[in-house]
Amino acid sequence: MNFVSRMLKRARESEVMSREKANYESAALWSIRGMVSIWADDMHRGEKLKGHNLNKWAKDVLKRVQELNEIFEEDERISKGD
């Protein structure tokens, strides 16, 4: 998650429409894509989980999604200058 925050910060600080900005945004997106891929792979293993273990896995993934959302909200707040 720190990597995503760092890439969004660098993109925010880069010149608008610059190659550097696009590279940082791309790095953040690919990092998120990798995380989602891992979560999806975990789900395939999760299909074997039942009851409490499946619930625990689902809560862990939801927590990670919420952390990403907080990063996006913070980035948006900073971008707007609040």
PDB file of N, CA and C in Angstrom:
ATOM      1  N   MET A   1       0.816  -1.188   0.000  1.00  0.00           N
ATOM      2  CA  MET A   1       0.000   0.000   0.000  1.00  0.00           C
ATOM      3  C   MET A   1       0.865   1.260   0.000  1.00  0.00           C
ATOM      4  N   ASN A   2       2.018   1.173   0.655  1.00  0.00           N
ATOM      5  CA  ASN A   2       2.907   2.335   0.684  1.00  0.00           C
ATOM      6  C   ASN A   2       3.386   2.691  -0.716  1.00  0.00           C
ATOM      7  N   PHE A   3       3.606   1.668  -1.540  1.00  0.00           N
ATOM      8  CA  PHE A   3       4.057   1.912  -2.905  1.00  0.00           C
ATOM      9  C   PHE A   3       3.010   2.702  -3.684  1.00  0.00           C
ATOM     10  N   VAL A   4       1.753   2.317  -3.553  1.00  0.00           N
ATOM     11  CA  VAL A   4       0.675   3.025  -4.247  1.00  0.00           C
ATOM     12  C   VAL A   4       0.620   4.475  -3.785  1.00  0.00           C
ATOM     13  N   SER A   5       0.700   4.698  -2.492  1.00  0.00           N
ATOM     14  CA  SER A   5       0.689   6.069  -1.957  1.00  0.00           C
ATOM     15  C   SER A   5       1.849   6.884  -2.512  1.00  0.00           C
ATOM     16  N   ARG A   6       3.019   6.271  -2.525  1.00  0.00           N
ATOM     17  CA  ARG A   6       4.220   6.963  -3.007  1.00  0.00           C
ATOM     18  C   ARG A   6       4.105   7.313  -4.499  1.00  0.00           C
ATOM     19  N   MET A   7       3.598   6.395  -5.303  1.00  0.00           N
ATOM     20  CA  MET A   7       3.466   6.656  -6.737  1.00  0.00           C
ATOM     21  C   MET A   7       2.424   7.742  -7.010  1.00  0.00           C
ATOM     22  N   LEU A   8       1.323   7.719  -6.270  1.00  0.00           N
ATOM     23  CA  LEU A   8       0.307   8.764  -6.441  1.00  0.00           C
ATOM     24  C   LEU A   8       0.861  10.133  -6.037  1.00  0.00           C
ATOM     25  N   LYS A   9       1.650  10.166  -4.978  1.00  0.00           N
ATOM     26  CA  LYS A   9       2.262  11.427  -4.539  1.00  0.00           C
ATOM     27  C   LYS A   9       3.214  11.947  -5.613  1.00  0.00           C
ATOM     28  N   ARG A  10       4.039  11.063  -6.155  1.00  0.00           N
ATOM     29  CA  ARG A  10       4.984  11.491  -7.191  1.00  0.00           C
ATOM     30  C   ARG A  10       4.243  11.954  -8.445  1.00  0.00           C
ATOM     31  N   ALA A  11       3.164  11.261  -8.794  1.00  0.00           N
ATOM     32  CA  ALA A  11       2.375  11.671  -9.955  1.00  0.00           C
ATOM     33  C   ALA A  11       1.757  13.047  -9.719  1.00  0.00           C
ATOM     34  N   ARG A  12       1.263  13.260  -8.515  1.00  0.00           N
ATOM     35  CA  ARG A  12       0.642  14.537  -8.157  1.00  0.00           C
ATOM     36  C   ARG A  12       1.654  15.678  -8.266  1.00  0.00           C
ATOM     37  N   GLU A  13       2.903  15.397  -7.901  1.00  0.00           N
ATOM     38  CA  GLU A  13       3.944  16.423  -7.892  1.00  0.00           C
ATOM     39  C   GLU A  13       4.594  16.622  -9.257  1.00  0.00           C
ATOM     40  N   SER A  14       4.285  15.767 -10.211  1.00  0.00           N
ATOM     41  CA  SER A  14       4.853  15.876 -11.560  1.00  0.00           C
ATOM     42  C   SER A  14       4.058  16.872 -12.385  1.00  0.00           C
ATOM     43  N   GLU A  15       4.676  17.315 -13.458  1.00  0.00           N
ATOM     44  CA  GLU A  15       4.002  18.247 -14.361  1.00  0.00           C
ATOM     45  C   GLU A  15       2.814  17.553 -15.019  1.00  0.00           C
ATOM     46  N   VAL A  16       1.753  18.305 -15.208  1.00  0.00           N
ATOM     47  CA  VAL A  16       0.545  17.781 -15.841  1.00  0.00           C
ATOM     48  C   VAL A  16       0.888  17.275 -17.239  1.00  0.00           C
ATOM     49  N   MET A  17       0.359  16.119 -17.573  1.00  0.00           N
ATOM     50  CA  MET A  17       0.520  15.500 -18.890  1.00  0.00           C
ATOM     51  C   MET A  17       1.967  15.153 -19.234  1.00  0.00           C
ATOM     52  N   SER A  18       2.837  15.050 -18.240  1.00  0.00           N
ATOM     53  CA  SER A  18       4.227  14.683 -18.514  1.00  0.00           C
ATOM     54  C   SER A  18       4.363  13.165 -18.553  1.00  0.00           C
ATOM     55  N   ARG A  19       5.421  12.719 -19.202  1.00  0.00           N
ATOM     56  CA  ARG A  19       5.712  11.282 -19.254  1.00  0.00           C
ATOM     57  C   ARG A  19       5.960  10.751 -17.839  1.00  0.00           C
ATOM     58  N   GLU A  20       6.629  11.547 -17.029  1.00  0.00           N
ATOM     59  CA  GLU A  20       6.920  11.157 -15.649  1.00  0.00           C
ATOM     60  C   GLU A  20       5.620  10.899 -14.883  1.00  0.00           C
ATOM     61  N   LYS A  21       4.660  11.804 -15.013  1.00  0.00           N
ATOM     62  CA  LYS A  21       3.373  11.653 -14.331  1.00  0.00           C
ATOM     63  C   LYS A  21       2.679  10.365 -14.786  1.00  0.00           C
ATOM     64  N   ALA A  22       2.686  10.131 -16.084  1.00  0.00           N
ATOM     65  CA  ALA A  22       2.060   8.919 -16.626  1.00  0.00           C
ATOM     66  C   ALA A  22       2.756   7.664 -16.101  1.00  0.00           C
ATOM     67  N   ASN A  23       4.077   7.707 -15.991  1.00  0.00           N
ATOM     68  CA  ASN A  23       4.818   6.551 -15.480  1.00  0.00           C
ATOM     69  C   ASN A  23       4.454   6.250 -14.029  1.00  0.00           C
ATOM     70  N   TYR A  24       4.348   7.286 -13.210  1.00  0.00           N
ATOM     71  CA  TYR A  24       3.989   7.078 -11.807  1.00  0.00           C
ATOM     72  C   TYR A  24       2.560   6.549 -11.671  1.00  0.00           C
ATOM     73  N   GLU A  25       1.652   7.122 -12.450  1.00  0.00           N
ATOM     74  CA  GLU A  25       0.266   6.646 -12.402  1.00  0.00           C
ATOM     75  C   GLU A  25       0.177   5.199 -12.888  1.00  0.00           C
ATOM     76  N   SER A  26       0.941   4.883 -13.909  1.00  0.00           N
ATOM     77  CA  SER A  26       0.962   3.513 -14.431  1.00  0.00           C
ATOM     78  C   SER A  26       1.521   2.547 -13.385  1.00  0.00           C
ATOM     79  N   ALA A  27       2.569   2.955 -12.700  1.00  0.00           N
ATOM     80  CA  ALA A  27       3.157   2.102 -11.665  1.00  0.00           C
ATOM     81  C   ALA A  27       2.148   1.821 -10.559  1.00  0.00           C
ATOM     82  N   ALA A  28       1.396   2.852 -10.165  1.00  0.00           N
ATOM     83  CA  ALA A  28       0.368   2.668  -9.130  1.00  0.00           C
ATOM     84  C   ALA A  28      -0.706   1.701  -9.620  1.00  0.00           C
ATOM     85  N   LEU A  29      -1.143   1.890 -10.857  1.00  0.00           N
ATOM     86  CA  LEU A  29      -2.188   1.018 -11.404  1.00  0.00           C
ATOM     87  C   LEU A  29      -1.715  -0.431 -11.497  1.00  0.00           C
ATOM     88  N   TRP A  30      -0.504  -0.649 -11.985  1.00  0.00           N
ATOM     89  CA  TRP A  30       0.004  -2.018 -12.102  1.00  0.00           C
ATOM     90  C   TRP A  30       0.185  -2.663 -10.730  1.00  0.00           C
ATOM     91  N   SER A  31       0.541  -1.868  -9.744  1.00  0.00           N
ATOM     92  CA  SER A  31       0.657  -2.396  -8.388  1.00  0.00           C
ATOM     93  C   SER A  31      -0.708  -2.848  -7.877  1.00  0.00           C
ATOM     94  N   ILE A  32      -1.724  -2.030  -8.107  1.00  0.00           N
ATOM     95  CA  ILE A  32      -3.086  -2.381  -7.692  1.00  0.00           C
ATOM     96  C   ILE A  32      -3.558  -3.615  -8.448  1.00  0.00           C
ATOM     97  N   ARG A  33      -3.260  -3.657  -9.743  1.00  0.00           N
ATOM     98  CA  ARG A  33      -3.636  -4.821 -10.550  1.00  0.00           C
ATOM     99  C   ARG A  33      -3.024  -6.093  -9.971  1.00  0.00           C
ATOM    100  N   GLY A  34      -1.771  -6.015  -9.566  1.00  0.00           N
ATOM    101  CA  GLY A  34      -1.101  -7.168  -8.959  1.00  0.00           C
ATOM    102  C   GLY A  34      -1.762  -7.597  -7.658  1.00  0.00           C
ATOM    103  N   MET A  35      -2.130  -6.614  -6.846  1.00  0.00           N
ATOM    104  CA  MET A  35      -2.802  -6.936  -5.587  1.00  0.00           C
ATOM    105  C   MET A  35      -4.123  -7.648  -5.842  1.00  0.00           C
ATOM    106  N   VAL A  36      -4.901  -7.111  -6.774  1.00  0.00           N
ATOM    107  CA  VAL A  36      -6.200  -7.714  -7.081  1.00  0.00           C
ATOM    108  C   VAL A  36      -6.013  -9.126  -7.614  1.00  0.00           C
ATOM    109  N   SER A  37      -4.992  -9.321  -8.429  1.00  0.00           N
ATOM    110  CA  SER A  37      -4.707 -10.653  -8.965  1.00  0.00           C
ATOM    111  C   SER A  37      -4.401 -11.640  -7.840  1.00  0.00           C
ATOM    112  N   ILE A  38      -3.626 -11.199  -6.873  1.00  0.00           N
ATOM    113  CA  ILE A  38      -3.305 -12.067  -5.731  1.00  0.00           C
ATOM    114  C   ILE A  38      -4.562 -12.367  -4.931  1.00  0.00           C
ATOM    115  N   TRP A  39      -5.400 -11.353  -4.712  1.00  0.00           N
ATOM    116  CA  TRP A  39      -6.644 -11.573  -3.971  1.00  0.00           C
ATOM    117  C   TRP A  39      -7.532 -12.556  -4.711  1.00  0.00           C
ATOM    118  N   ALA A  40      -7.574 -12.438  -6.040  1.00  0.00           N
ATOM    119  CA  ALA A  40      -8.395 -13.361  -6.832  1.00  0.00           C
ATOM    120  C   ALA A  40      -7.835 -14.782  -6.737  1.00  0.00           C
ATOM    121  N   ASP A  41      -6.509 -14.919  -6.783  1.00  0.00           N
ATOM    122  CA  ASP A  41      -5.898 -16.239  -6.624  1.00  0.00           C
ATOM    123  C   ASP A  41      -6.217 -16.804  -5.255  1.00  0.00           C
ATOM    124  N   ASP A  42      -6.183 -15.934  -4.241  1.00  0.00           N
ATOM    125  CA  ASP A  42      -6.544 -16.368  -2.893  1.00  0.00           C
ATOM    126  C   ASP A  42      -7.976 -16.866  -2.860  1.00  0.00           C
ATOM    127  N   MET A  43      -8.839 -16.233  -3.675  1.00  0.00           N
ATOM    128  CA  MET A  43     -10.240 -16.647  -3.704  1.00  0.00           C
ATOM    129  C   MET A  43     -10.365 -18.068  -4.232  1.00  0.00           C
ATOM    130  N   HIS A  44      -9.544 -18.402  -5.228  1.00  0.00           N
ATOM    131  CA  HIS A  44      -9.597 -19.775  -5.742  1.00  0.00           C
ATOM    132  C   HIS A  44      -9.235 -20.759  -4.642  1.00  0.00           C
ATOM    133  N   ARG A  45      -8.260 -20.383  -3.839  1.00  0.00           N
ATOM    134  CA  ARG A  45      -7.947 -21.213  -2.673  1.00  0.00           C
ATOM    135  C   ARG A  45      -9.056 -21.089  -1.644  1.00  0.00           C
ATOM    136  N   GLY A  46      -9.678 -19.899  -1.599  1.00  0.00           N
ATOM    137  CA  GLY A  46     -10.758 -19.643  -0.653  1.00  0.00           C
ATOM    138  C   GLY A  46     -11.974 -20.504  -0.900  1.00  0.00           C
ATOM    139  N   GLU A  47     -12.128 -20.964  -2.151  1.00  0.00           N
ATOM    140  CA  GLU A  47     -13.270 -21.830  -2.447  1.00  0.00           C
ATOM    141  C   GLU A  47     -13.213 -23.111  -1.623  1.00  0.00           C
ATOM    142  N   LYS A  48     -12.016 -23.474  -1.216  1.00  0.00           N
ATOM    143  CA  LYS A  48     -11.841 -24.672  -0.394  1.00  0.00           C
ATOM    144  C   LYS A  48     -12.103 -24.375   1.079  1.00  0.00           C
ATOM    145  N   LEU A  49     -12.123 -23.075   1.414  1.00  0.00           N
ATOM    146  CA  LEU A  49     -12.371 -22.674   2.790  1.00  0.00           C
ATOM    147  C   LEU A  49     -13.864 -22.729   3.079  1.00  0.00           C
ATOM    148  N   LYS A  50     -14.173 -22.986   4.299  1.00  0.00           N
ATOM    149  CA  LYS A  50     -15.578 -23.033   4.710  1.00  0.00           C
ATOM    150  C   LYS A  50     -15.743 -22.229   5.992  1.00  0.00           C
ATOM    151  N   GLY A  51     -16.938 -21.728   6.185  1.00  0.00           N
ATOM    152  CA  GLY A  51     -17.324 -21.094   7.442  1.00  0.00           C
ATOM    153  C   GLY A  51     -16.409 -19.994   7.912  1.00  0.00           C
ATOM    154  N   HIS A  52     -15.863 -20.191   9.107  1.00  0.00           N
ATOM    155  CA  HIS A  52     -15.057 -19.174   9.780  1.00  0.00           C
ATOM    156  C   HIS A  52     -13.843 -18.762   8.943  1.00  0.00           C
ATOM    157  N   ASN A  53     -13.144 -19.718   8.346  1.00  0.00           N
ATOM    158  CA  ASN A  53     -11.943 -19.389   7.575  1.00  0.00           C
ATOM    159  C   ASN A  53     -12.271 -18.570   6.335  1.00  0.00           C
ATOM    160  N   LEU A  54     -13.357 -18.891   5.667  1.00  0.00           N
ATOM    161  CA  LEU A  54     -13.776 -18.124   4.502  1.00  0.00           C
ATOM    162  C   LEU A  54     -14.183 -16.712   4.921  1.00  0.00           C
ATOM    163  N   ASN A  55     -14.881 -16.600   6.029  1.00  0.00           N
ATOM    164  CA  ASN A  55     -15.296 -15.303   6.551  1.00  0.00           C
ATOM    165  C   ASN A  55     -14.071 -14.460   6.918  1.00  0.00           C
ATOM    166  N   LYS A  56     -13.090 -15.083   7.535  1.00  0.00           N
ATOM    167  CA  LYS A  56     -11.864 -14.383   7.921  1.00  0.00           C
ATOM    168  C   LYS A  56     -11.121 -13.884   6.679  1.00  0.00           C
ATOM    169  N   TRP A  57     -11.041 -14.733   5.652  1.00  0.00           N
ATOM    170  CA  TRP A  57     -10.386 -14.348   4.405  1.00  0.00           C
ATOM    171  C   TRP A  57     -11.108 -13.163   3.766  1.00  0.00           C
ATOM    172  N   ALA A  58     -12.437 -13.231   3.709  1.00  0.00           N
ATOM    173  CA  ALA A  58     -13.235 -12.164   3.091  1.00  0.00           C
ATOM    174  C   ALA A  58     -13.052 -10.844   3.841  1.00  0.00           C
ATOM    175  N   LYS A  59     -13.011 -10.899   5.154  1.00  0.00           N
ATOM    176  CA  LYS A  59     -12.810  -9.680   5.951  1.00  0.00           C
ATOM    177  C   LYS A  59     -11.424  -9.087   5.702  1.00  0.00           C
ATOM    178  N   ASP A  60     -10.418  -9.937   5.511  1.00  0.00           N
ATOM    179  CA  ASP A  60      -9.068  -9.464   5.240  1.00  0.00           C
ATOM    180  C   ASP A  60      -9.010  -8.755   3.893  1.00  0.00           C
ATOM    181  N   VAL A  61      -9.631  -9.323   2.868  1.00  0.00           N
ATOM    182  CA  VAL A  61      -9.650  -8.695   1.550  1.00  0.00           C
ATOM    183  C   VAL A  61     -10.411  -7.370   1.608  1.00  0.00           C
ATOM    184  N   LEU A  62     -11.537  -7.347   2.300  1.00  0.00           N
ATOM    185  CA  LEU A  62     -12.303  -6.109   2.440  1.00  0.00           C
ATOM    186  C   LEU A  62     -11.472  -5.033   3.135  1.00  0.00           C
ATOM    187  N   LYS A  63     -10.731  -5.407   4.145  1.00  0.00           N
ATOM    188  CA  LYS A  63      -9.867  -4.449   4.852  1.00  0.00           C
ATOM    189  C   LYS A  63      -8.844  -3.843   3.890  1.00  0.00           C
ATOM    190  N   ARG A  64      -8.270  -4.666   3.023  1.00  0.00           N
ATOM    191  CA  ARG A  64      -7.294  -4.173   2.047  1.00  0.00           C
ATOM    192  C   ARG A  64      -7.943  -3.214   1.055  1.00  0.00           C
ATOM    193  N   VAL A  65      -9.145  -3.534   0.617  1.00  0.00           N
ATOM    194  CA  VAL A  65      -9.871  -2.650  -0.311  1.00  0.00           C
ATOM    195  C   VAL A  65     -10.163  -1.314   0.376  1.00  0.00           C
ATOM    196  N   GLN A  66     -10.537  -1.362   1.638  1.00  0.00           N
ATOM    197  CA  GLN A  66     -10.803  -0.135   2.384  1.00  0.00           C
ATOM    198  C   GLN A  66      -9.534   0.704   2.528  1.00  0.00           C
ATOM    199  N   GLU A  67      -8.382   0.050   2.736  1.00  0.00           N
ATOM    200  CA  GLU A  67      -7.112   0.769   2.820  1.00  0.00           C
ATOM    201  C   GLU A  67      -6.810   1.471   1.500  1.00  0.00           C
ATOM    202  N   LEU A  68      -7.041   0.775   0.387  1.00  0.00           N
ATOM    203  CA  LEU A  68      -6.838   1.402  -0.922  1.00  0.00           C
ATOM    204  C   LEU A  68      -7.763   2.599  -1.089  1.00  0.00           C
ATOM    205  N   ASN A  69      -9.001   2.452  -0.683  1.00  0.00           N
ATOM    206  CA  ASN A  69      -9.949   3.551  -0.796  1.00  0.00           C
ATOM    207  C   ASN A  69      -9.481   4.753   0.016  1.00  0.00           C
ATOM    208  N   GLU A  70      -8.952   4.526   1.195  1.00  0.00           N
ATOM    209  CA  GLU A  70      -8.437   5.624   2.017  1.00  0.00           C
ATOM    210  C   GLU A  70      -7.280   6.329   1.313  1.00  0.00           C
ATOM    211  N   ILE A  71      -6.422   5.557   0.650  1.00  0.00           N
ATOM    212  CA  ILE A  71      -5.308   6.143  -0.098  1.00  0.00           C
ATOM    213  C   ILE A  71      -5.847   7.026  -1.217  1.00  0.00           C
ATOM    214  N   PHE A  72      -6.849   6.531  -1.952  1.00  0.00           N
ATOM    215  CA  PHE A  72      -7.426   7.308  -3.048  1.00  0.00           C
ATOM    216  C   PHE A  72      -8.094   8.584  -2.533  1.00  0.00           C
ATOM    217  N   GLU A  73      -8.828   8.471  -1.425  1.00  0.00           N
ATOM    218  CA  GLU A  73      -9.489   9.646  -0.859  1.00  0.00           C
ATOM    219  C   GLU A  73      -8.477  10.680  -0.399  1.00  0.00           C
ATOM    220  N   GLU A  74      -7.393  10.234   0.217  1.00  0.00           N
ATOM    221  CA  GLU A  74      -6.341  11.145   0.664  1.00  0.00           C
ATOM    222  C   GLU A  74      -5.689  11.839  -0.529  1.00  0.00           C
ATOM    223  N   ASP A  75      -5.416  11.069  -1.579  1.00  0.00           N
ATOM    224  CA  ASP A  75      -4.809  11.636  -2.786  1.00  0.00           C
ATOM    225  C   ASP A  75      -5.719  12.688  -3.402  1.00  0.00           C
ATOM    226  N   GLU A  76      -7.012  12.390  -3.448  1.00  0.00           N
ATOM    227  CA  GLU A  76      -7.976  13.344  -4.018  1.00  0.00           C
ATOM    228  C   GLU A  76      -8.055  14.610  -3.173  1.00  0.00           C
ATOM    229  N   ARG A  77      -8.054  14.442  -1.848  1.00  0.00           N
ATOM    230  CA  ARG A  77      -8.111  15.587  -0.948  1.00  0.00           C
ATOM    231  C   ARG A  77      -6.886  16.474  -1.138  1.00  0.00           C
ATOM    232  N   ILE A  78      -5.715  15.861  -1.215  1.00  0.00           N
ATOM    233  CA  ILE A  78      -4.480  16.633  -1.393  1.00  0.00           C
ATOM    234  C   ILE A  78      -4.470  17.309  -2.759  1.00  0.00           C
ATOM    235  N   SER A  79      -4.932  16.591  -3.788  1.00  0.00           N
ATOM    236  CA  SER A  79      -4.953  17.155  -5.146  1.00  0.00           C
ATOM    237  C   SER A  79      -5.830  18.400  -5.223  1.00  0.00           C
ATOM    238  N   LYS A  80      -6.916  18.399  -4.457  1.00  0.00           N
ATOM    239  CA  LYS A  80      -7.826  19.543  -4.460  1.00  0.00           C
ATOM    240  C   LYS A  80      -7.306  20.682  -3.599  1.00  0.00           C
ATOM    241  N   GLY A  81      -6.253  20.414  -2.809  1.00  0.00           N
ATOM    242  CA  GLY A  81      -5.656  21.461  -2.003  1.00  0.00           C
ATOM    243  C   GLY A  81      -6.345  21.707  -0.675  1.00  0.00           C
ATOM    244  N   ASP A  82      -7.092  20.733  -0.184  1.00  0.00           N
ATOM    245  CA  ASP A  82      -7.785  20.894   1.109  1.00  0.00           C
ATOM    246  C   ASP A  82      -6.811  20.751   2.256  1.00  0.00           C
TER     247      ASP A  82
END
